[in-house]
Amino acid sequence: MRIGSTNNISLFLVISIVFTLTGCAVGPNYKKPEIAIPSDWNNRFNGTPTEKQADIQSLATWWSTLNDPELSSLITRAVEGNLDVKEARSRILESRARRGVAQAGLFPTLDVSGSEKWTRTGKDTGKSRTTKLISSVLDSGWEVDIFGGTRRSIEAASATMEGNMENLRDVLVSLLAEIAINYIEIRTYQARIAATHASIDTQDETYKLTVWRCEAGLNDELAVQQALYNLENTRSQIPTLQTGLEEALNRIAVLLGEQPGSVHKELATTEPIPVASAELAVGVPADLLRRRPDIRQAERELASQTANIGVATADLFPKLSLKGSIGIEAISFNELRDVMPYSDNWVLSGGPQITWAIFDAGAIRQNIKVQSALQEQALIQYESSILTALEEVENALISYINEQTRLENLRKATQAAKIASVLAEQQYQSGVSDFTDVLDAQRSLLSFQDQLAQSSGTVTSNLVRLYKALGGGWQSFAAEDEQ
């Protein structure tokens, strides 16, 4: 079958019209919303630590300011082994593939099929005859994206993929902070356990002293029992502290993607609580829009949902498809092979096809309303993510500032408690005061030492939370997933 010149002209005209129309795409064009951001933070530092200008590199490797090689090693290993990171990377691969599926809609499709059919006649007459027919058909089709529905789908898929990249970065920000906070918690528990053991040693000596004085007739049994319950009460705190230490160690292992117990030996040696440098790269509130991955992810989700409105709107308009097929028939495979280039049995068909949903009881328009409402929700979520980020930074700033003040007060209180404990012990041995003063002094000293260790860990943990709120850390590890 031959296609005449008239058909060729008609097909040419159709294709020309198509390419003229495909420059437009229905639905709103996305524009990043402008959100009012304060020019500065409400809480500022006075004295130490001091602020410095925002330094992207310092923020990207904020853990290096703690000068702890063990922590740096744990962070590097966590990025490679953490299961949440692996899942986030898998989502990126998925979204890239989905974008590829959407892009395939711009191109024609080509299908090939073959069949063999046989019939038998004359069975009742005794002169049966079997006829076999073999056919091969090549079908092609192309739905032309006149009103941009497919292009909007690609736009939505691309924004979703970019949002998944930001999700990976957000996972990294949270992971690095969790590793650091749990590591600081380990060192804090170790410091508290060490302080408690030191108090136990002191109180044990005091208990032995009261026993000796009681045997010597210098004091009564009351002081002995008071010293004993003070000692045993302090000992009773060790199991609780050990439980907290074990939980933090197990949490670190899981964050690394390893089984609980795998880091116990590595972190068994007591080390000091990490201390931060005196300068912080805080920057200004507007920096959050480019630093915080969760904000960037929310903005990409808004872009994706805006494109989905165009996808839904395109269903209101006609769809133009160009379809064609070519086939050949023969009674055997050999004949089919031999006659392919020359046979008159070719069957050739093709032409444009227009479909238009003229009645659907309003389903298409309702779907447009659905997508528009989802866009409004995405915009609200974007604005909410910005407010949440500002809140987290402000809270982290004031927590860090105030805990620094509290830490300094506890240092002074602990020093005074040490002196008071020594004086109470000396006065008791000299008979100037009773044993109650010794008990009060030892309890106060242990309490202040424990609070001092906790506050030291809290200061550094609050610093980590501040860096997390500022969106730091992902810049050092996410580049390989941007390809």
Protein backbone atom coordinates (compact mmCIF):
# COMPACT_ATOMS: atom_id res chain seq x y z
CA MET A 1 0.00 0.00 0.00
CA ARG A 2 1.36 3.42 -0.97
CA ILE A 3 0.61 6.71 0.70
CA GLY A 4 -0.30 9.32 -1.87
CA SER A 5 1.02 12.83 -2.08
CA THR A 6 -2.19 14.25 -0.60
CA ASN A 7 -1.73 12.20 2.55
CA ASN A 8 1.89 13.33 2.80
CA ILE A 9 0.80 16.95 2.60
CA SER A 10 -1.87 16.42 5.28
CA LEU A 11 0.62 14.75 7.60
CA PHE A 12 3.10 17.55 7.03
CA LEU A 13 0.46 20.15 7.89
CA VAL A 14 -0.50 18.31 11.09
CA ILE A 15 3.11 18.08 12.24
CA SER A 16 3.69 21.76 11.42
CA ILE A 17 0.68 22.81 13.48
CA VAL A 18 1.84 20.58 16.35
CA PHE A 19 5.28 22.12 16.54
CA THR A 20 3.73 25.57 16.39
CA LEU A 21 1.52 24.81 19.39
CA THR A 22 4.02 22.93 21.53
CA GLY A 23 5.71 26.10 22.68
CA CYS A 24 3.00 26.66 25.32
CA ALA A 25 2.24 24.76 28.53
CA VAL A 26 -0.96 25.21 30.49
CA GLY A 27 -1.02 25.82 34.23
CA PRO A 28 0.86 28.37 36.35
CA ASN A 29 4.56 28.97 35.82
CA TYR A 30 6.44 28.50 39.08
CA LYS A 31 8.04 31.46 40.80
CA LYS A 32 9.84 31.07 44.10
CA PRO A 33 7.84 32.93 46.77
CA GLU A 34 9.43 35.79 48.64
CA ILE A 35 9.19 35.39 52.41
CA ALA A 36 9.94 38.23 54.83
CA ILE A 37 13.01 37.33 56.92
CA PRO A 38 14.34 39.39 59.87
CA SER A 39 17.67 41.05 59.26
CA ASP A 40 19.29 39.83 62.48
CA TRP A 41 18.85 37.41 65.36
CA ASN A 42 16.97 38.40 68.46
CA ASN A 43 19.64 36.85 70.73
CA ARG A 44 23.25 37.98 70.42
CA PHE A 45 26.46 37.05 72.18
CA ASN A 46 28.01 39.27 74.83
CA GLY A 47 31.68 38.64 75.43
CA THR A 48 32.72 35.03 74.83
CA PRO A 49 32.25 33.10 72.71
CA THR A 50 32.37 35.73 70.00
CA GLU A 51 30.66 35.62 66.63
CA LYS A 52 32.44 35.80 63.32
CA GLN A 53 31.18 36.29 59.81
CA ALA A 54 29.40 33.32 58.29
CA ASP A 55 32.00 30.95 56.91
CA ILE A 56 30.57 28.18 54.73
CA GLN A 57 33.62 25.97 55.16
CA SER A 58 33.61 26.31 58.95
CA LEU A 59 29.93 25.46 59.05
CA ALA A 60 30.41 22.53 56.67
CA THR A 61 32.94 20.93 59.06
CA TRP A 62 31.67 22.31 62.37
CA TRP A 63 32.72 19.17 64.31
CA SER A 64 36.36 20.03 63.62
CA THR A 65 36.00 22.98 66.03
CA LEU A 66 35.65 20.43 68.85
CA ASN A 67 39.17 19.09 68.14
CA ASP A 68 38.22 15.47 68.83
CA PRO A 69 39.68 12.92 66.34
CA GLU A 70 37.43 10.14 67.65
CA LEU A 71 34.31 12.19 66.96
CA SER A 72 35.53 13.05 63.45
CA SER A 73 36.14 9.37 62.77
CA LEU A 74 32.65 8.41 63.95
CA ILE A 75 31.05 11.05 61.75
CA THR A 76 32.89 9.86 58.64
CA ARG A 77 31.91 6.24 59.31
CA ALA A 78 28.28 7.16 60.00
CA VAL A 79 27.90 8.86 56.63
CA GLU A 80 29.01 5.64 54.93
CA GLY A 81 27.10 3.13 57.06
CA ASN A 82 23.95 4.81 58.35
CA LEU A 83 20.78 3.15 57.05
CA ASP A 84 18.75 6.38 56.89
CA VAL A 85 21.40 7.86 54.59
CA LYS A 86 21.30 4.78 52.38
CA GLU A 87 17.51 4.98 52.19
CA ALA A 88 17.65 8.68 51.28
CA ARG A 89 20.17 7.92 48.53
CA SER A 90 17.88 5.20 47.22
CA ARG A 91 15.04 7.72 47.03
CA ILE A 92 17.22 9.92 44.82
CA LEU A 93 17.82 7.02 42.45
CA GLU A 94 14.10 6.31 42.39
CA SER A 95 13.18 9.92 41.62
CA ARG A 96 15.78 10.09 38.84
CA ALA A 97 14.23 7.02 37.27
CA ARG A 98 10.74 8.50 37.61
CA ARG A 99 11.94 11.64 35.86
CA GLY A 100 13.27 9.43 33.08
CA VAL A 101 9.84 7.81 32.79
CA ALA A 102 8.24 11.26 32.47
CA GLN A 103 10.78 12.34 29.84
CA ALA A 104 10.04 9.23 27.78
CA GLY A 105 6.53 10.62 27.21
CA LEU A 106 7.98 13.21 24.83
CA PHE A 107 9.13 10.56 22.35
CA PRO A 108 7.37 8.16 19.96
CA THR A 109 6.84 4.51 20.85
CA LEU A 110 7.58 1.57 18.58
CA ASP A 111 6.16 -1.94 19.07
CA VAL A 112 6.70 -5.07 17.03
CA SER A 113 4.41 -8.10 17.10
CA GLY A 114 4.14 -11.40 15.26
CA SER A 115 1.51 -14.12 15.10
CA GLU A 116 0.83 -17.48 13.58
CA LYS A 117 -2.76 -18.62 12.91
CA TRP A 118 -3.96 -21.86 11.34
CA THR A 119 -7.39 -23.17 10.32
CA ARG A 120 -8.56 -26.64 9.32
CA THR A 121 -11.56 -27.19 6.97
CA GLY A 122 -13.39 -30.25 5.50
CA LYS A 123 -13.01 -32.50 8.53
CA ASP A 124 -16.46 -34.11 8.03
CA THR A 125 -15.91 -34.91 4.29
CA GLY A 126 -12.68 -36.73 4.94
CA LYS A 127 -10.75 -34.23 2.83
CA SER A 128 -9.42 -31.91 5.48
CA ARG A 129 -7.26 -28.95 4.62
CA THR A 130 -5.08 -26.91 6.97
CA THR A 131 -4.27 -23.30 6.19
CA LYS A 132 -1.58 -21.38 8.08
CA LEU A 133 -1.11 -17.61 8.09
CA ILE A 134 1.95 -15.86 9.54
CA SER A 135 2.00 -12.10 10.08
CA SER A 136 4.43 -9.51 11.37
CA VAL A 137 3.38 -5.99 12.33
CA LEU A 138 5.34 -2.88 13.37
CA ASP A 139 3.26 -0.27 15.27
CA SER A 140 4.34 3.26 16.16
CA GLY A 141 2.66 6.04 18.09
CA TRP A 142 3.35 9.51 19.34
CA GLU A 143 1.16 11.58 21.65
CA VAL A 144 2.18 15.13 20.87
CA ASP A 145 2.55 17.34 23.95
CA ILE A 146 0.57 20.26 22.54
CA PHE A 147 -0.57 21.80 25.82
CA GLY A 148 2.47 20.85 27.91
CA GLY A 149 1.01 18.15 30.16
CA THR A 150 4.05 15.92 29.67
CA ARG A 151 6.46 18.82 30.11
CA ARG A 152 4.73 19.76 33.35
CA SER A 153 5.11 16.13 34.46
CA ILE A 154 8.84 16.35 33.75
CA GLU A 155 8.99 19.64 35.63
CA ALA A 156 7.23 18.07 38.63
CA ALA A 157 9.46 14.98 38.53
CA SER A 158 12.61 17.13 38.35
CA ALA A 159 11.52 19.21 41.34
CA THR A 160 10.70 16.02 43.27
CA MET A 161 14.16 14.64 42.51
CA GLU A 162 15.77 17.87 43.70
CA GLY A 163 13.60 17.70 46.82
CA ASN A 164 14.89 14.18 47.50
CA MET A 165 18.44 15.49 47.20
CA GLU A 166 17.61 18.07 49.85
CA ASN A 167 16.06 15.31 51.96
CA LEU A 168 19.39 13.46 51.86
CA ARG A 169 21.16 16.61 53.01
CA ASP A 170 18.64 17.05 55.80
CA VAL A 171 19.24 13.44 56.88
CA LEU A 172 22.97 14.18 56.94
CA VAL A 173 22.48 17.30 59.06
CA SER A 174 20.43 15.34 61.60
CA LEU A 175 22.79 12.35 61.54
CA LEU A 176 25.94 14.40 62.19
CA ALA A 177 24.24 16.20 65.07
CA GLU A 178 22.95 12.92 66.55
CA ILE A 179 26.40 11.34 66.38
CA ALA A 180 27.98 14.34 68.09
CA ILE A 181 25.29 14.70 70.77
CA ASN A 182 25.43 11.00 71.68
CA TYR A 183 29.23 11.09 71.69
CA ILE A 184 29.16 14.08 74.03
CA GLU A 185 26.63 12.21 76.16
CA ILE A 186 29.05 9.27 76.41
CA ARG A 187 31.86 11.52 77.56
CA THR A 188 29.49 13.27 79.98
CA TYR A 189 28.40 9.98 81.54
CA GLN A 190 32.03 8.93 81.84
CA ALA A 191 32.83 12.20 83.62
CA ARG A 192 29.85 11.79 85.96
CA ILE A 193 30.81 8.19 86.74
CA ALA A 194 34.40 9.24 87.43
CA ALA A 195 33.21 12.03 89.76
CA THR A 196 30.88 9.62 91.55
CA HIS A 197 33.65 7.06 92.02
CA ALA A 198 35.88 9.80 93.44
CA SER A 199 33.12 10.72 95.90
CA ILE A 200 32.71 7.06 96.82
CA ASP A 201 36.41 6.84 97.63
CA THR A 202 36.21 9.96 99.80
CA GLN A 203 33.03 8.83 101.55
CA ASP A 204 34.48 5.37 102.11
CA GLU A 205 37.45 6.95 103.88
CA THR A 206 35.03 9.03 105.94
CA TYR A 207 33.02 5.93 106.85
CA LYS A 208 36.18 4.11 107.99
CA LEU A 209 37.09 7.17 110.02
CA THR A 210 33.73 7.20 111.81
CA VAL A 211 34.06 3.48 112.55
CA TRP A 212 37.52 4.04 114.05
CA ARG A 213 36.31 7.04 116.08
CA CYS A 214 33.32 5.04 117.31
CA GLU A 215 35.57 2.19 118.42
CA ALA A 216 37.79 4.76 120.12
CA GLY A 217 34.79 6.27 121.89
CA LEU A 218 35.14 9.61 120.13
CA ASN A 219 31.68 9.45 118.52
CA ASP A 220 28.57 7.29 118.69
CA GLU A 221 26.97 4.77 116.33
CA LEU A 222 24.81 7.51 114.74
CA ALA A 223 27.75 8.99 112.84
CA VAL A 224 28.75 5.52 111.62
CA GLN A 225 25.27 4.84 110.21
CA GLN A 226 25.04 8.31 108.68
CA ALA A 227 28.37 7.80 106.93
CA LEU A 228 27.25 4.38 105.75
CA TYR A 229 23.95 5.46 104.20
CA ASN A 230 25.67 8.43 102.59
CA LEU A 231 28.23 6.06 101.04
CA GLU A 232 25.66 3.52 99.85
CA ASN A 233 23.42 6.22 98.44
CA THR A 234 26.31 7.46 96.33
CA ARG A 235 27.11 3.93 95.20
CA SER A 236 23.47 3.47 94.15
CA GLN A 237 23.91 6.18 91.51
CA ILE A 238 26.49 4.19 89.54
CA PRO A 239 24.07 1.63 87.98
CA THR A 240 21.81 4.43 86.68
CA LEU A 241 24.76 6.25 85.16
CA GLN A 242 26.05 3.00 83.64
CA THR A 243 22.65 2.40 82.05
CA GLY A 244 22.70 5.84 80.45
CA LEU A 245 26.23 5.24 79.20
CA GLU A 246 25.26 1.88 77.68
CA GLU A 247 22.26 3.41 75.91
CA ALA A 248 24.40 6.17 74.40
CA LEU A 249 27.01 3.64 73.24
CA ASN A 250 24.34 1.45 71.64
CA ARG A 251 22.79 4.47 69.96
CA ILE A 252 26.12 5.42 68.43
CA ALA A 253 26.51 1.89 67.06
CA VAL A 254 23.08 1.93 65.42
CA LEU A 255 23.73 5.36 63.92
CA LEU A 256 26.87 3.88 62.37
CA GLY A 257 24.75 1.10 60.86
CA GLU A 258 26.31 -1.47 63.17
CA GLN A 259 24.99 -3.79 65.85
CA PRO A 260 24.67 -2.57 69.46
CA GLY A 261 27.85 -3.22 71.40
CA SER A 262 30.18 -2.74 68.45
CA VAL A 263 31.75 0.50 69.76
CA HIS A 264 31.96 -0.34 73.46
CA LYS A 265 35.61 -1.33 73.33
CA GLU A 266 36.54 1.59 71.10
CA LEU A 267 34.98 4.17 73.44
CA ALA A 268 35.71 2.43 76.74
CA THR A 269 38.55 4.77 77.74
CA THR A 270 37.34 7.87 79.58
CA GLU A 271 38.14 11.04 77.63
CA PRO A 272 37.34 14.70 78.35
CA ILE A 273 34.11 16.27 77.16
CA PRO A 274 34.87 18.10 73.86
CA VAL A 275 35.16 21.87 74.20
CA ALA A 276 34.30 24.29 71.38
CA SER A 277 36.43 27.09 70.03
CA ALA A 278 35.72 30.68 71.00
CA GLU A 279 34.28 31.76 67.63
CA LEU A 280 31.04 30.72 65.97
CA ALA A 281 29.91 31.15 62.35
CA VAL A 282 26.31 32.19 62.99
CA GLY A 283 25.61 34.50 60.07
CA VAL A 284 22.23 36.19 59.51
CA PRO A 285 18.68 34.73 59.30
CA ALA A 286 18.54 34.99 55.50
CA ASP A 287 21.40 32.47 55.29
CA LEU A 288 18.98 29.76 56.41
CA LEU A 289 17.20 29.84 53.04
CA ARG A 290 20.30 28.53 51.29
CA ARG A 291 21.76 26.48 54.16
CA ARG A 292 18.84 24.55 55.64
CA PRO A 293 18.04 21.49 53.51
CA ASP A 294 14.55 21.12 54.99
CA ILE A 295 13.64 24.63 53.80
CA ARG A 296 15.08 23.92 50.36
CA GLN A 297 13.20 20.62 50.23
CA ALA A 298 9.92 22.34 51.11
CA GLU A 299 10.53 24.89 48.34
CA ARG A 300 11.18 22.11 45.79
CA GLU A 301 8.00 20.32 46.89
CA LEU A 302 6.11 23.57 46.28
CA ALA A 303 7.62 23.78 42.78
CA SER A 304 6.66 20.18 42.07
CA GLN A 305 3.08 20.70 43.21
CA THR A 306 2.79 23.86 41.11
CA ALA A 307 3.74 21.82 38.04
CA ASN A 308 1.13 19.21 38.96
CA ILE A 309 -1.56 21.85 38.45
CA GLY A 310 -0.41 22.11 34.83
CA VAL A 311 -0.53 18.33 34.47
CA ALA A 312 -4.14 18.32 35.67
CA THR A 313 -5.09 21.34 33.54
CA ALA A 314 -3.79 19.69 30.36
CA ASP A 315 -6.56 17.09 30.67
CA LEU A 316 -9.08 19.80 29.79
CA PHE A 317 -7.70 20.04 26.25
CA PRO A 318 -7.63 17.72 23.25
CA LYS A 319 -4.88 15.13 22.90
CA LEU A 320 -3.30 14.61 19.50
CA SER A 321 -1.63 11.33 18.64
CA LEU A 322 0.13 10.27 15.46
CA LYS A 323 -0.18 6.56 14.86
CA GLY A 324 1.00 4.22 12.17
CA SER A 325 1.59 0.56 11.48
CA ILE A 326 3.17 -1.58 8.80
CA GLY A 327 2.70 -5.32 8.46
CA ILE A 328 3.10 -8.28 6.10
CA GLU A 329 1.47 -11.69 5.84
CA ALA A 330 2.66 -15.04 4.44
CA ILE A 331 1.83 -18.74 4.73
CA SER A 332 5.29 -19.76 6.02
CA PHE A 333 8.34 -18.30 7.72
CA ASN A 334 10.45 -18.91 4.61
CA GLU A 335 7.97 -17.09 2.41
CA LEU A 336 7.74 -14.29 4.94
CA ARG A 337 11.51 -13.91 4.81
CA ASP A 338 11.74 -14.12 1.01
CA VAL A 339 8.93 -11.73 0.12
CA MET A 340 9.59 -9.03 2.71
CA PRO A 341 11.35 -6.58 0.39
CA TYR A 342 9.14 -7.21 -2.65
CA SER A 343 5.71 -8.50 -1.65
CA ASP A 344 2.48 -6.76 -2.44
CA ASN A 345 1.13 -8.12 0.82
CA TRP A 346 2.36 -5.13 2.78
CA VAL A 347 -0.34 -3.50 4.94
CA LEU A 348 0.42 0.17 5.72
CA SER A 349 -1.79 2.46 7.79
CA GLY A 350 -1.38 5.68 9.69
CA GLY A 351 -2.69 9.10 10.49
CA PRO A 352 -3.47 11.58 13.25
CA GLN A 353 -5.92 10.86 16.05
CA ILE A 354 -7.57 13.42 18.29
CA THR A 355 -9.25 12.55 21.60
CA TRP A 356 -11.05 15.00 23.84
CA ALA A 357 -12.87 14.32 27.08
CA ILE A 358 -16.01 16.39 26.49
CA PHE A 359 -17.95 15.01 29.48
CA ASP A 360 -16.59 13.59 32.72
CA ALA A 361 -19.07 15.00 35.27
CA GLY A 362 -16.52 17.65 36.31
CA ALA A 363 -13.82 15.19 37.38
CA ILE A 364 -11.01 17.03 35.56
CA ARG A 365 -11.90 20.43 37.02
CA GLN A 366 -12.23 18.92 40.49
CA ASN A 367 -8.77 17.38 40.09
CA ILE A 368 -7.42 20.83 39.19
CA LYS A 369 -8.94 22.14 42.43
CA VAL A 370 -7.34 19.25 44.31
CA GLN A 371 -3.89 20.07 42.89
CA SER A 372 -4.38 23.79 43.59
CA ALA A 373 -5.28 23.04 47.21
CA LEU A 374 -2.20 20.83 47.51
CA GLN A 375 -0.12 23.70 46.14
CA GLU A 376 -1.54 26.01 48.80
CA GLN A 377 -0.67 23.42 51.47
CA ALA A 378 2.86 23.14 50.08
CA LEU A 379 3.24 26.92 50.29
CA ILE A 380 2.08 26.89 53.91
CA GLN A 381 4.53 24.08 54.70
CA TYR A 382 7.33 26.09 53.07
CA GLU A 383 6.49 29.15 55.18
CA SER A 384 6.20 26.94 58.26
CA SER A 385 9.63 25.39 57.65
CA ILE A 386 11.16 28.87 57.63
CA LEU A 387 9.47 29.87 60.88
CA THR A 388 10.50 26.58 62.49
CA ALA A 389 14.11 27.12 61.39
CA LEU A 390 14.17 30.64 62.83
CA GLU A 391 12.69 29.34 66.08
CA GLU A 392 15.25 26.53 66.35
CA VAL A 393 18.18 28.90 65.83
CA GLU A 394 16.87 31.44 68.34
CA ASN A 395 16.27 28.70 70.93
CA ALA A 396 19.69 27.16 70.30
CA LEU A 397 21.38 30.55 70.62
CA ILE A 398 19.77 31.45 73.93
CA SER A 399 20.30 27.92 75.29
CA TYR A 400 23.98 28.03 74.41
CA ILE A 401 24.44 31.53 75.82
CA ASN A 402 22.65 30.84 79.10
CA GLU A 403 24.27 27.45 79.65
CA GLN A 404 27.66 29.12 79.34
CA THR A 405 26.69 31.40 82.24
CA ARG A 406 25.36 28.46 84.24
CA LEU A 407 28.56 26.49 83.64
CA GLU A 408 30.70 29.32 84.96
CA ASN A 409 28.53 29.58 88.10
CA LEU A 410 28.78 25.83 88.68
CA ARG A 411 32.56 25.97 88.38
CA LYS A 412 32.67 28.51 91.19
CA ALA A 413 30.16 26.54 93.27
CA THR A 414 32.10 23.31 92.81
CA GLN A 415 35.34 24.95 93.86
CA ALA A 416 33.68 26.37 96.97
CA ALA A 417 32.11 22.96 97.73
CA LYS A 418 35.54 21.30 97.59
CA ILE A 419 36.93 23.77 100.10
CA ALA A 420 33.86 23.38 102.32
CA SER A 421 34.17 19.60 102.27
CA VAL A 422 37.80 19.74 103.37
CA LEU A 423 37.03 22.25 106.13
CA ALA A 424 34.07 20.21 107.40
CA GLU A 425 36.25 17.09 107.54
CA GLN A 426 38.98 18.93 109.44
CA GLN A 427 36.56 20.49 111.92
CA TYR A 428 34.88 17.13 112.54
CA GLN A 429 38.19 15.44 113.25
CA SER A 430 39.09 18.32 115.59
CA GLY A 431 35.78 17.97 117.39
CA VAL A 432 34.70 21.51 116.50
CA SER A 433 31.59 20.39 114.56
CA ASP A 434 29.44 17.26 114.38
CA PHE A 435 29.21 14.79 111.52
CA THR A 436 26.14 16.46 109.99
CA ASP A 437 28.33 19.19 108.52
CA VAL A 438 30.53 16.56 106.86
CA LEU A 439 27.47 14.85 105.36
CA ASP A 440 26.06 18.10 103.98
CA ALA A 441 29.41 19.14 102.54
CA GLN A 442 30.03 15.79 100.82
CA ARG A 443 26.51 15.65 99.38
CA SER A 444 26.80 19.20 98.07
CA LEU A 445 30.20 18.51 96.53
CA LEU A 446 28.93 15.41 94.72
CA SER A 447 25.86 17.27 93.52
CA PHE A 448 27.88 20.19 92.19
CA GLN A 449 30.43 17.92 90.52
CA ASP A 450 27.64 16.01 88.81
CA GLN A 451 25.90 19.21 87.71
CA LEU A 452 29.21 20.61 86.46
CA ALA A 453 29.83 17.54 84.29
CA GLN A 454 26.28 17.67 82.92
CA SER A 455 26.51 21.39 82.22
CA SER A 456 29.85 20.97 80.42
CA GLY A 457 28.24 18.37 78.16
CA THR A 458 25.12 20.50 77.70
CA VAL A 459 27.16 23.50 76.57
CA THR A 460 28.80 21.49 73.81
CA SER A 461 25.56 19.71 72.93
CA ASN A 462 23.79 23.06 72.64
CA LEU A 463 26.53 24.19 70.31
CA VAL A 464 25.92 21.12 68.16
CA ARG A 465 22.18 21.87 68.15
CA LEU A 466 22.99 25.41 67.07
CA TYR A 467 25.07 24.18 64.14
CA LYS A 468 22.28 21.77 63.25
CA ALA A 469 19.72 24.59 63.36
CA LEU A 470 22.00 26.63 61.08
CA GLY A 471 21.97 23.78 58.55
CA GLY A 472 25.65 22.87 58.75
CA GLY A 473 27.46 19.67 57.88
CA TRP A 474 25.85 18.33 54.71
CA GLN A 475 28.08 20.40 52.45
CA SER A 476 31.03 18.08 53.13
CA PHE A 477 29.31 14.86 52.14
CA ALA A 478 26.43 15.39 49.69
CA ALA A 479 28.38 16.40 46.54
CA GLU A 480 28.63 12.83 45.19
CA ASP A 481 24.83 12.52 45.13
CA GLU A 482 24.33 15.65 43.02
CA GLN A 483 25.55 14.00 39.83
